[in-house]
Amino acid sequence: QALRGRRLSMIFQDPMTSLNPSHTLGEQLMEGLRHHLGLG
């Protein structure tokens, strides 16, 4: 899990099933940046 999204990443074929429908796009983008890069 520590490697995925940080050093290994994937663009999935079907974005509708890959994006979380209950969270905003901004929340999903920021989650990886905060978790992997330690950003505020």
PDB file of all heavy atoms in Angstrom:
ATOM      1  N   GLN A   1       0.821  -1.206   0.000  1.00  0.00           N
ATOM      2  CA  GLN A   1       0.000   0.000   0.000  1.00  0.00           C
ATOM      3  C   GLN A   1       0.857   1.258   0.000  1.00  0.00           C
ATOM      4  O   GLN A   1       0.483   2.276  -0.586  1.00  0.00           O
ATOM      5  CB  GLN A   1      -0.935  -0.012   1.211  1.00  0.00           C
ATOM      6  CG  GLN A   1      -2.062  -1.040   1.120  1.00  0.00           C
ATOM      7  CD  GLN A   1      -2.849  -1.158   2.406  1.00  0.00           C
ATOM      8  OE1 GLN A   1      -2.584  -0.428   3.365  1.00  0.00           O
ATOM      9  NE2 GLN A   1      -3.789  -2.087   2.448  1.00  0.00           N
ATOM     10  N   ALA A   2       2.013   1.198   0.680  1.00  0.00           N
ATOM     11  CA  ALA A   2       2.909   2.351   0.705  1.00  0.00           C
ATOM     12  C   ALA A   2       3.515   2.613  -0.668  1.00  0.00           C
ATOM     13  O   ALA A   2       3.786   3.771  -1.025  1.00  0.00           O
ATOM     14  CB  ALA A   2       4.007   2.123   1.739  1.00  0.00           C
ATOM     15  N   LEU A   3       3.728   1.554  -1.450  1.00  0.00           N
ATOM     16  CA  LEU A   3       4.303   1.720  -2.786  1.00  0.00           C
ATOM     17  C   LEU A   3       3.265   2.181  -3.799  1.00  0.00           C
ATOM     18  O   LEU A   3       3.546   3.024  -4.651  1.00  0.00           O
ATOM     19  CB  LEU A   3       4.911   0.398  -3.261  1.00  0.00           C
ATOM     20  CG  LEU A   3       6.172  -0.100  -2.551  1.00  0.00           C
ATOM     21  CD1 LEU A   3       6.568  -1.470  -3.086  1.00  0.00           C
ATOM     22  CD2 LEU A   3       7.306   0.892  -2.735  1.00  0.00           C
ATOM     23  N   ARG A   4       2.054   1.620  -3.717  1.00  0.00           N
ATOM     24  CA  ARG A   4       0.991   1.962  -4.666  1.00  0.00           C
ATOM     25  C   ARG A   4       0.573   3.416  -4.492  1.00  0.00           C
ATOM     26  O   ARG A   4       0.293   3.871  -3.392  1.00  0.00           O
ATOM     27  CB  ARG A   4      -0.228   1.063  -4.472  1.00  0.00           C
ATOM     28  CG  ARG A   4      -0.072  -0.327  -5.012  1.00  0.00           C
ATOM     29  CD  ARG A   4      -1.420  -1.027  -5.135  1.00  0.00           C
ATOM     30  NE  ARG A   4      -2.205  -0.976  -3.920  1.00  0.00           N
ATOM     31  CZ  ARG A   4      -2.551  -2.044  -3.194  1.00  0.00           C
ATOM     32  NH1 ARG A   4      -2.172  -3.251  -3.561  1.00  0.00           N
ATOM     33  NH2 ARG A   4      -3.284  -1.898  -2.101  1.00  0.00           N
ATOM     34  N   GLY A   5       0.504   4.127  -5.599  1.00  0.00           N
ATOM     35  CA  GLY A   5       0.109   5.526  -5.561  1.00  0.00           C
ATOM     36  C   GLY A   5       1.281   6.466  -5.382  1.00  0.00           C
ATOM     37  O   GLY A   5       1.195   7.642  -5.738  1.00  0.00           O
ATOM     38  N   ARG A   6       2.387   5.958  -4.829  1.00  0.00           N
ATOM     39  CA  ARG A   6       3.576   6.793  -4.639  1.00  0.00           C
ATOM     40  C   ARG A   6       4.648   6.437  -5.658  1.00  0.00           C
ATOM     41  O   ARG A   6       4.948   7.218  -6.550  1.00  0.00           O
ATOM     42  CB  ARG A   6       4.103   6.639  -3.201  1.00  0.00           C
ATOM     43  CG  ARG A   6       5.406   7.403  -2.942  1.00  0.00           C
ATOM     44  CD  ARG A   6       5.212   8.899  -3.136  1.00  0.00           C
ATOM     45  NE  ARG A   6       6.457   9.631  -2.971  1.00  0.00           N
ATOM     46  CZ  ARG A   6       7.257   9.981  -3.989  1.00  0.00           C
ATOM     47  NH1 ARG A   6       6.954   9.627  -5.216  1.00  0.00           N
ATOM     48  NH2 ARG A   6       8.359  10.659  -3.757  1.00  0.00           N
ATOM     49  N   ARG A   7       5.218   5.250  -5.557  1.00  0.00           N
ATOM     50  CA  ARG A   7       6.274   4.851  -6.492  1.00  0.00           C
ATOM     51  C   ARG A   7       5.725   4.032  -7.650  1.00  0.00           C
ATOM     52  O   ARG A   7       6.332   3.953  -8.706  1.00  0.00           O
ATOM     53  CB  ARG A   7       7.345   4.065  -5.737  1.00  0.00           C
ATOM     54  CG  ARG A   7       8.047   4.891  -4.656  1.00  0.00           C
ATOM     55  CD  ARG A   7       9.005   4.047  -3.840  1.00  0.00           C
ATOM     56  NE  ARG A   7      10.041   3.481  -4.687  1.00  0.00           N
ATOM     57  CZ  ARG A   7      10.842   2.484  -4.303  1.00  0.00           C
ATOM     58  NH1 ARG A   7      10.693   1.938  -3.114  1.00  0.00           N
ATOM     59  NH2 ARG A   7      11.756   2.023  -5.128  1.00  0.00           N
ATOM     60  N   LEU A   8       4.589   3.398  -7.438  1.00  0.00           N
ATOM     61  CA  LEU A   8       3.885   2.636  -8.481  1.00  0.00           C
ATOM     62  C   LEU A   8       2.491   3.225  -8.616  1.00  0.00           C
ATOM     63  O   LEU A   8       1.809   3.430  -7.611  1.00  0.00           O
ATOM     64  CB  LEU A   8       3.741   1.165  -8.080  1.00  0.00           C
ATOM     65  CG  LEU A   8       5.006   0.334  -7.905  1.00  0.00           C
ATOM     66  CD1 LEU A   8       4.673  -0.924  -7.113  1.00  0.00           C
ATOM     67  CD2 LEU A   8       5.571  -0.047  -9.254  1.00  0.00           C
ATOM     68  N   SER A   9       2.077   3.484  -9.831  1.00  0.00           N
ATOM     69  CA  SER A   9       0.754   4.069 -10.012  1.00  0.00           C
ATOM     70  C   SER A   9       0.099   3.490 -11.252  1.00  0.00           C
ATOM     71  O   SER A   9       0.776   2.972 -12.142  1.00  0.00           O
ATOM     72  CB  SER A   9       0.859   5.595 -10.133  1.00  0.00           C
ATOM     73  OG  SER A   9      -0.402   6.198  -9.986  1.00  0.00           O
ATOM     74  N   MET A  10      -1.239   3.586 -11.300  1.00  0.00           N
ATOM     75  CA  MET A  10      -1.970   2.999 -12.422  1.00  0.00           C
ATOM     76  C   MET A  10      -3.116   3.901 -12.843  1.00  0.00           C
ATOM     77  O   MET A  10      -3.826   4.466 -11.996  1.00  0.00           O
ATOM     78  CB  MET A  10      -2.500   1.611 -12.046  1.00  0.00           C
ATOM     79  CG  MET A  10      -3.183   0.887 -13.192  1.00  0.00           C
ATOM     80  SD  MET A  10      -3.447  -0.870 -12.818  1.00  0.00           S
ATOM     81  CE  MET A  10      -4.205  -1.413 -14.364  1.00  0.00           C
ATOM     82  N   ILE A  11      -3.277   4.042 -14.147  1.00  0.00           N
ATOM     83  CA  ILE A  11      -4.446   4.695 -14.727  1.00  0.00           C
ATOM     84  C   ILE A  11      -5.387   3.578 -15.157  1.00  0.00           C
ATOM     85  O   ILE A  11      -5.049   2.778 -16.031  1.00  0.00           O
ATOM     86  CB  ILE A  11      -4.074   5.568 -15.933  1.00  0.00           C
ATOM     87  CG1 ILE A  11      -3.051   6.634 -15.535  1.00  0.00           C
ATOM     88  CG2 ILE A  11      -5.315   6.224 -16.528  1.00  0.00           C
ATOM     89  CD1 ILE A  11      -2.474   7.395 -16.713  1.00  0.00           C
ATOM     90  N   PHE A  12      -6.564   3.514 -14.536  1.00  0.00           N
ATOM     91  CA  PHE A  12      -7.486   2.430 -14.810  1.00  0.00           C
ATOM     92  C   PHE A  12      -8.352   2.737 -16.030  1.00  0.00           C
ATOM     93  O   PHE A  12      -8.562   3.892 -16.401  1.00  0.00           O
ATOM     94  CB  PHE A  12      -8.367   2.160 -13.594  1.00  0.00           C
ATOM     95  CG  PHE A  12      -7.604   1.699 -12.389  1.00  0.00           C
ATOM     96  CD1 PHE A  12      -7.164   2.611 -11.442  1.00  0.00           C
ATOM     97  CD2 PHE A  12      -7.301   0.362 -12.216  1.00  0.00           C
ATOM     98  CE1 PHE A  12      -6.442   2.193 -10.335  1.00  0.00           C
ATOM     99  CE2 PHE A  12      -6.580  -0.073 -11.109  1.00  0.00           C
ATOM    100  CZ  PHE A  12      -6.149   0.852 -10.178  1.00  0.00           C
ATOM    101  N   GLN A  13      -8.862   1.664 -16.620  1.00  0.00           N
ATOM    102  CA  GLN A  13      -9.599   1.790 -17.873  1.00  0.00           C
ATOM    103  C   GLN A  13     -10.974   2.430 -17.688  1.00  0.00           C
ATOM    104  O   GLN A  13     -11.424   3.186 -18.538  1.00  0.00           O
ATOM    105  CB  GLN A  13      -9.752   0.408 -18.515  1.00  0.00           C
ATOM    106  CG  GLN A  13     -10.345   0.429 -19.904  1.00  0.00           C
ATOM    107  CD  GLN A  13     -10.256  -0.925 -20.580  1.00  0.00           C
ATOM    108  OE1 GLN A  13      -9.647  -1.856 -20.070  1.00  0.00           O
ATOM    109  NE2 GLN A  13     -10.847  -1.042 -21.736  1.00  0.00           N
ATOM    110  N   ASP A  14     -11.650   2.132 -16.587  1.00  0.00           N
ATOM    111  CA  ASP A  14     -13.010   2.620 -16.377  1.00  0.00           C
ATOM    112  C   ASP A  14     -13.020   3.616 -15.217  1.00  0.00           C
ATOM    113  O   ASP A  14     -13.025   3.215 -14.047  1.00  0.00           O
ATOM    114  CB  ASP A  14     -13.953   1.452 -16.074  1.00  0.00           C
ATOM    115  CG  ASP A  14     -15.409   1.891 -15.959  1.00  0.00           C
ATOM    116  OD1 ASP A  14     -15.673   3.103 -16.065  1.00  0.00           O
ATOM    117  OD2 ASP A  14     -16.275   1.021 -15.771  1.00  0.00           O
ATOM    118  N   PRO A  15     -13.060   4.917 -15.504  1.00  0.00           N
ATOM    119  CA  PRO A  15     -12.991   5.896 -14.418  1.00  0.00           C
ATOM    120  C   PRO A  15     -14.208   5.890 -13.510  1.00  0.00           C
ATOM    121  O   PRO A  15     -14.125   6.247 -12.337  1.00  0.00           O
ATOM    122  CB  PRO A  15     -12.857   7.233 -15.160  1.00  0.00           C
ATOM    123  CG  PRO A  15     -13.427   6.989 -16.513  1.00  0.00           C
ATOM    124  CD  PRO A  15     -13.116   5.555 -16.822  1.00  0.00           C
ATOM    125  N   MET A  16     -15.374   5.487 -14.018  1.00  0.00           N
ATOM    126  CA  MET A  16     -16.582   5.531 -13.190  1.00  0.00           C
ATOM    127  C   MET A  16     -16.512   4.528 -12.050  1.00  0.00           C
ATOM    128  O   MET A  16     -17.024   4.777 -10.956  1.00  0.00           O
ATOM    129  CB  MET A  16     -17.820   5.257 -14.053  1.00  0.00           C
ATOM    130  CG  MET A  16     -19.134   5.681 -13.397  1.00  0.00           C
ATOM    131  SD  MET A  16     -19.125   7.435 -12.956  1.00  0.00           S
ATOM    132  CE  MET A  16     -20.555   7.528 -11.899  1.00  0.00           C
ATOM    133  N   THR A  17     -15.888   3.389 -12.266  1.00  0.00           N
ATOM    134  CA  THR A  17     -15.761   2.396 -11.200  1.00  0.00           C
ATOM    135  C   THR A  17     -14.478   2.594 -10.391  1.00  0.00           C
ATOM    136  O   THR A  17     -14.300   1.948  -9.359  1.00  0.00           O
ATOM    137  CB  THR A  17     -15.774   0.967 -11.777  1.00  0.00           C
ATOM    138  OG1 THR A  17     -14.711   0.839 -12.735  1.00  0.00           O
ATOM    139  CG2 THR A  17     -17.097   0.683 -12.471  1.00  0.00           C
ATOM    140  N   SER A  18     -13.586   3.467 -10.846  1.00  0.00           N
ATOM    141  CA  SER A  18     -12.328   3.694 -10.145  1.00  0.00           C
ATOM    142  C   SER A  18     -12.410   4.871  -9.182  1.00  0.00           C
ATOM    143  O   SER A  18     -11.679   4.919  -8.196  1.00  0.00           O
ATOM    144  CB  SER A  18     -11.199   3.935 -11.148  1.00  0.00           C
ATOM    145  OG  SER A  18     -11.076   2.852 -12.040  1.00  0.00           O
ATOM    146  N   LEU A  19     -13.273   5.843  -9.470  1.00  0.00           N
ATOM    147  CA  LEU A  19     -13.450   6.993  -8.594  1.00  0.00           C
ATOM    148  C   LEU A  19     -14.538   6.695  -7.568  1.00  0.00           C
ATOM    149  O   LEU A  19     -15.539   6.051  -7.876  1.00  0.00           O
ATOM    150  CB  LEU A  19     -13.826   8.228  -9.420  1.00  0.00           C
ATOM    151  CG  LEU A  19     -12.745   8.749 -10.367  1.00  0.00           C
ATOM    152  CD1 LEU A  19     -13.316   9.801 -11.310  1.00  0.00           C
ATOM    153  CD2 LEU A  19     -11.565   9.319  -9.585  1.00  0.00           C
ATOM    154  N   ASN A  20     -14.333   7.182  -6.350  1.00  0.00           N
ATOM    155  CA  ASN A  20     -15.293   6.958  -5.270  1.00  0.00           C
ATOM    156  C   ASN A  20     -16.489   7.888  -5.453  1.00  0.00           C
ATOM    157  O   ASN A  20     -16.327   9.117  -5.429  1.00  0.00           O
ATOM    158  CB  ASN A  20     -14.630   7.209  -3.917  1.00  0.00           C
ATOM    159  CG  ASN A  20     -15.459   6.728  -2.755  1.00  0.00           C
ATOM    160  OD1 ASN A  20     -16.679   6.844  -2.761  1.00  0.00           O
ATOM    161  ND2 ASN A  20     -14.797   6.188  -1.743  1.00  0.00           N
ATOM    162  N   PRO A  21     -17.709   7.350  -5.623  1.00  0.00           N
ATOM    163  CA  PRO A  21     -18.864   8.212  -5.888  1.00  0.00           C
ATOM    164  C   PRO A  21     -19.312   9.030  -4.682  1.00  0.00           C
ATOM    165  O   PRO A  21     -20.087   9.979  -4.835  1.00  0.00           O
ATOM    166  CB  PRO A  21     -19.953   7.211  -6.300  1.00  0.00           C
ATOM    167  CG  PRO A  21     -19.569   5.935  -5.624  1.00  0.00           C
ATOM    168  CD  PRO A  21     -18.070   5.919  -5.616  1.00  0.00           C
ATOM    169  N   SER A  22     -18.844   8.687  -3.467  1.00  0.00           N
ATOM    170  CA  SER A  22     -19.305   9.378  -2.263  1.00  0.00           C
ATOM    171  C   SER A  22     -18.353  10.467  -1.787  1.00  0.00           C
ATOM    172  O   SER A  22     -18.624  11.120  -0.776  1.00  0.00           O
ATOM    173  CB  SER A  22     -19.526   8.361  -1.135  1.00  0.00           C
ATOM    174  OG  SER A  22     -18.317   7.705  -0.798  1.00  0.00           O
ATOM    175  N   HIS A  23     -17.243  10.663  -2.502  1.00  0.00           N
ATOM    176  CA  HIS A  23     -16.287  11.714  -2.142  1.00  0.00           C
ATOM    177  C   HIS A  23     -16.087  12.645  -3.331  1.00  0.00           C
ATOM    178  O   HIS A  23     -16.125  12.215  -4.493  1.00  0.00           O
ATOM    179  CB  HIS A  23     -14.946  11.116  -1.726  1.00  0.00           C
ATOM    180  CG  HIS A  23     -14.988  10.344  -0.446  1.00  0.00           C
ATOM    181  ND1 HIS A  23     -14.941  10.939   0.798  1.00  0.00           N
ATOM    182  CD2 HIS A  23     -15.103   9.010  -0.213  1.00  0.00           C
ATOM    183  CE1 HIS A  23     -14.993  10.005   1.739  1.00  0.00           C
ATOM    184  NE2 HIS A  23     -15.102   8.836   1.150  1.00  0.00           N
ATOM    185  N   THR A  24     -15.847  13.913  -3.040  1.00  0.00           N
ATOM    186  CA  THR A  24     -15.587  14.860  -4.124  1.00  0.00           C
ATOM    187  C   THR A  24     -14.264  14.525  -4.801  1.00  0.00           C
ATOM    188  O   THR A  24     -13.390  13.852  -4.229  1.00  0.00           O
ATOM    189  CB  THR A  24     -15.531  16.298  -3.597  1.00  0.00           C
ATOM    190  OG1 THR A  24     -14.408  16.438  -2.724  1.00  0.00           O
ATOM    191  CG2 THR A  24     -16.819  16.673  -2.877  1.00  0.00           C
ATOM    192  N   LEU A  25     -14.116  15.022  -6.019  1.00  0.00           N
ATOM    193  CA  LEU A  25     -12.875  14.789  -6.754  1.00  0.00           C
ATOM    194  C   LEU A  25     -11.695  15.414  -6.034  1.00  0.00           C
ATOM    195  O   LEU A  25     -10.592  14.847  -6.004  1.00  0.00           O
ATOM    196  CB  LEU A  25     -13.011  15.357  -8.166  1.00  0.00           C
ATOM    197  CG  LEU A  25     -14.152  14.779  -9.006  1.00  0.00           C
ATOM    198  CD1 LEU A  25     -14.303  15.530 -10.312  1.00  0.00           C
ATOM    199  CD2 LEU A  25     -13.935  13.296  -9.273  1.00  0.00           C
ATOM    200  N   GLY A  26     -11.913  16.584  -5.452  1.00  0.00           N
ATOM    201  CA  GLY A  26     -10.841  17.244  -4.722  1.00  0.00           C
ATOM    202  C   GLY A  26     -10.368  16.424  -3.533  1.00  0.00           C
ATOM    203  O   GLY A  26      -9.157  16.298  -3.294  1.00  0.00           O
ATOM    204  N   GLU A  27     -11.301  15.844  -2.786  1.00  0.00           N
ATOM    205  CA  GLU A  27     -10.935  15.016  -1.637  1.00  0.00           C
ATOM    206  C   GLU A  27     -10.090  13.819  -2.073  1.00  0.00           C
ATOM    207  O   GLU A  27      -9.126  13.451  -1.394  1.00  0.00           O
ATOM    208  CB  GLU A  27     -12.203  14.523  -0.929  1.00  0.00           C
ATOM    209  CG  GLU A  27     -12.953  15.616  -0.177  1.00  0.00           C
ATOM    210  CD  GLU A  27     -14.282  15.113   0.354  1.00  0.00           C
ATOM    211  OE1 GLU A  27     -14.820  14.138  -0.215  1.00  0.00           O
ATOM    212  OE2 GLU A  27     -14.780  15.695   1.329  1.00  0.00           O
ATOM    213  N   GLN A  28     -10.471  13.223  -3.196  1.00  0.00           N
ATOM    214  CA  GLN A  28      -9.745  12.039  -3.665  1.00  0.00           C
ATOM    215  C   GLN A  28      -8.350  12.393  -4.161  1.00  0.00           C
ATOM    216  O   GLN A  28      -7.397  11.640  -3.938  1.00  0.00           O
ATOM    217  CB  GLN A  28     -10.562  11.343  -4.761  1.00  0.00           C
ATOM    218  CG  GLN A  28     -11.856  10.764  -4.240  1.00  0.00           C
ATOM    219  CD  GLN A  28     -12.682  10.095  -5.310  1.00  0.00           C
ATOM    220  OE1 GLN A  28     -12.303   9.051  -5.829  1.00  0.00           O
ATOM    221  NE2 GLN A  28     -13.811  10.694  -5.659  1.00  0.00           N
ATOM    222  N   LEU A  29      -8.216  13.522  -4.836  1.00  0.00           N
ATOM    223  CA  LEU A  29      -6.898  13.961  -5.290  1.00  0.00           C
ATOM    224  C   LEU A  29      -5.998  14.315  -4.108  1.00  0.00           C
ATOM    225  O   LEU A  29      -4.819  13.958  -4.066  1.00  0.00           O
ATOM    226  CB  LEU A  29      -7.054  15.175  -6.209  1.00  0.00           C
ATOM    227  CG  LEU A  29      -7.161  14.911  -7.700  1.00  0.00           C
ATOM    228  CD1 LEU A  29      -7.635  16.165  -8.424  1.00  0.00           C
ATOM    229  CD2 LEU A  29      -5.831  14.457  -8.268  1.00  0.00           C
ATOM    230  N   MET A  30      -6.554  15.016  -3.146  1.00  0.00           N
ATOM    231  CA  MET A  30      -5.770  15.477  -2.008  1.00  0.00           C
ATOM    232  C   MET A  30      -5.379  14.337  -1.073  1.00  0.00           C
ATOM    233  O   MET A  30      -4.343  14.396  -0.419  1.00  0.00           O
ATOM    234  CB  MET A  30      -6.555  16.555  -1.247  1.00  0.00           C
ATOM    235  CG  MET A  30      -6.728  17.856  -2.017  1.00  0.00           C
ATOM    236  SD  MET A  30      -7.991  18.941  -1.297  1.00  0.00           S
ATOM    237  CE  MET A  30      -7.328  19.193   0.347  1.00  0.00           C
ATOM    238  N   GLU A  31      -6.195  13.306  -1.008  1.00  0.00           N
ATOM    239  CA  GLU A  31      -5.915  12.191  -0.102  1.00  0.00           C
ATOM    240  C   GLU A  31      -4.553  11.557  -0.393  1.00  0.00           C
ATOM    241  O   GLU A  31      -3.745  11.327   0.510  1.00  0.00           O
ATOM    242  CB  GLU A  31      -7.013  11.139  -0.205  1.00  0.00           C
ATOM    243  CG  GLU A  31      -6.790   9.937   0.696  1.00  0.00           C
ATOM    244  CD  GLU A  31      -7.833   8.853   0.510  1.00  0.00           C
ATOM    245  OE1 GLU A  31      -8.554   8.884  -0.510  1.00  0.00           O
ATOM    246  OE2 GLU A  31      -7.925   7.974   1.379  1.00  0.00           O
ATOM    247  N   GLY A  32      -4.290  11.254  -1.678  1.00  0.00           N
ATOM    248  CA  GLY A  32      -3.011  10.651  -2.034  1.00  0.00           C
ATOM    249  C   GLY A  32      -1.843  11.578  -1.771  1.00  0.00           C
ATOM    250  O   GLY A  32      -0.781  11.144  -1.292  1.00  0.00           O
ATOM    251  N   LEU A  33      -2.005  12.851  -2.069  1.00  0.00           N
ATOM    252  CA  LEU A  33      -0.928  13.818  -1.854  1.00  0.00           C
ATOM    253  C   LEU A  33      -0.598  13.965  -0.371  1.00  0.00           C
ATOM    254  O   LEU A  33       0.570  14.063   0.012  1.00  0.00           O
ATOM    255  CB  LEU A  33      -1.335  15.169  -2.447  1.00  0.00           C
ATOM    256  CG  LEU A  33      -1.438  15.215  -3.977  1.00  0.00           C
ATOM    257  CD1 LEU A  33      -2.167  16.472  -4.429  1.00  0.00           C
ATOM    258  CD2 LEU A  33      -0.049  15.160  -4.604  1.00  0.00           C
ATOM    259  N   ARG A  34      -1.613  13.972   0.460  1.00  0.00           N
ATOM    260  CA  ARG A  34      -1.384  14.128   1.903  1.00  0.00           C
ATOM    261  C   ARG A  34      -0.788  12.854   2.506  1.00  0.00           C
ATOM    262  O   ARG A  34       0.103  12.911   3.354  1.00  0.00           O
ATOM    263  CB  ARG A  34      -2.688  14.499   2.603  1.00  0.00           C
ATOM    264  CG  ARG A  34      -3.284  15.824   2.124  1.00  0.00           C
ATOM    265  CD  ARG A  34      -4.453  16.259   2.980  1.00  0.00           C
ATOM    266  NE  ARG A  34      -3.992  16.665   4.308  1.00  0.00           N
ATOM    267  CZ  ARG A  34      -4.811  17.075   5.293  1.00  0.00           C
ATOM    268  NH1 ARG A  34      -6.110  17.107   5.084  1.00  0.00           N
ATOM    269  NH2 ARG A  34      -4.322  17.424   6.460  1.00  0.00           N
ATOM    270  N   HIS A  35      -1.292  11.710   2.042  1.00  0.00           N
ATOM    271  CA  HIS A  35      -0.829  10.442   2.607  1.00  0.00           C
ATOM    272  C   HIS A  35       0.599  10.111   2.177  1.00  0.00           C
ATOM    273  O   HIS A  35       1.438   9.741   3.008  1.00  0.00           O
ATOM    274  CB  HIS A  35      -1.779   9.324   2.183  1.00  0.00           C
ATOM    275  CG  HIS A  35      -1.339   7.970   2.635  1.00  0.00           C
ATOM    276  ND1 HIS A  35      -1.425   7.551   3.948  1.00  0.00           N
ATOM    277  CD2 HIS A  35      -0.776   6.925   1.946  1.00  0.00           C
ATOM    278  CE1 HIS A  35      -0.955   6.323   4.060  1.00  0.00           C
ATOM    279  NE2 HIS A  35      -0.548   5.911   2.863  1.00  0.00           N
ATOM    280  N   HIS A  36       0.880  10.239   0.877  1.00  0.00           N
ATOM    281  CA  HIS A  36       2.180   9.799   0.358  1.00  0.00           C
ATOM    282  C   HIS A  36       3.264  10.867   0.457  1.00  0.00           C
ATOM    283  O   HIS A  36       4.443  10.538   0.659  1.00  0.00           O
ATOM    284  CB  HIS A  36       2.040   9.365  -1.101  1.00  0.00           C
ATOM    285  CG  HIS A  36       1.265   8.102  -1.283  1.00  0.00           C
ATOM    286  ND1 HIS A  36       1.680   6.893  -0.790  1.00  0.00           N
ATOM    287  CD2 HIS A  36       0.092   7.857  -1.911  1.00  0.00           C
ATOM    288  CE1 HIS A  36       0.809   5.944  -1.097  1.00  0.00           C
ATOM    289  NE2 HIS A  36      -0.167   6.506  -1.772  1.00  0.00           N
ATOM    290  N   LEU A  37       2.904  12.141   0.295  1.00  0.00           N
ATOM    291  CA  LEU A  37       3.912  13.207   0.290  1.00  0.00           C
ATOM    292  C   LEU A  37       3.931  14.005   1.585  1.00  0.00           C
ATOM    293  O   LEU A  37       4.799  14.863   1.754  1.00  0.00           O
ATOM    294  CB  LEU A  37       3.661  14.153  -0.894  1.00  0.00           C
ATOM    295  CG  LEU A  37       3.685  13.524  -2.282  1.00  0.00           C
ATOM    296  CD1 LEU A  37       3.535  14.608  -3.356  1.00  0.00           C
ATOM    297  CD2 LEU A  37       4.954  12.723  -2.511  1.00  0.00           C
ATOM    298  N   GLY A  38       2.973  13.743   2.473  1.00  0.00           N
ATOM    299  CA  GLY A  38       2.953  14.441   3.752  1.00  0.00           C
ATOM    300  C   GLY A  38       2.614  15.912   3.650  1.00  0.00           C
ATOM    301  O   GLY A  38       3.012  16.709   4.514  1.00  0.00           O
ATOM    302  N   LEU A  39       1.879  16.306   2.623  1.00  0.00           N
ATOM    303  CA  LEU A  39       1.529  17.714   2.439  1.00  0.00           C
ATOM    304  C   LEU A  39       0.395  18.118   3.369  1.00  0.00           C
ATOM    305  O   LEU A  39      -0.472  17.308   3.718  1.00  0.00           O
ATOM    306  CB  LEU A  39       1.097  17.977   0.997  1.00  0.00           C
ATOM    307  CG  LEU A  39       2.108  17.657  -0.109  1.00  0.00           C
ATOM    308  CD1 LEU A  39       1.533  18.013  -1.472  1.00  0.00           C
ATOM    309  CD2 LEU A  39       3.423  18.382   0.119  1.00  0.00           C
ATOM    310  N   GLY A  40       0.403  19.394   3.766  1.00  0.00           N
ATOM    311  CA  GLY A  40      -0.720  19.944   4.505  1.00  0.00           C
ATOM    312  C   GLY A  40      -1.908  20.133   3.576  1.00  0.00           C
ATOM    313  O   GLY A  40      -1.792  20.026   2.349  1.00  0.00           O
TER     314      GLY A  40
END
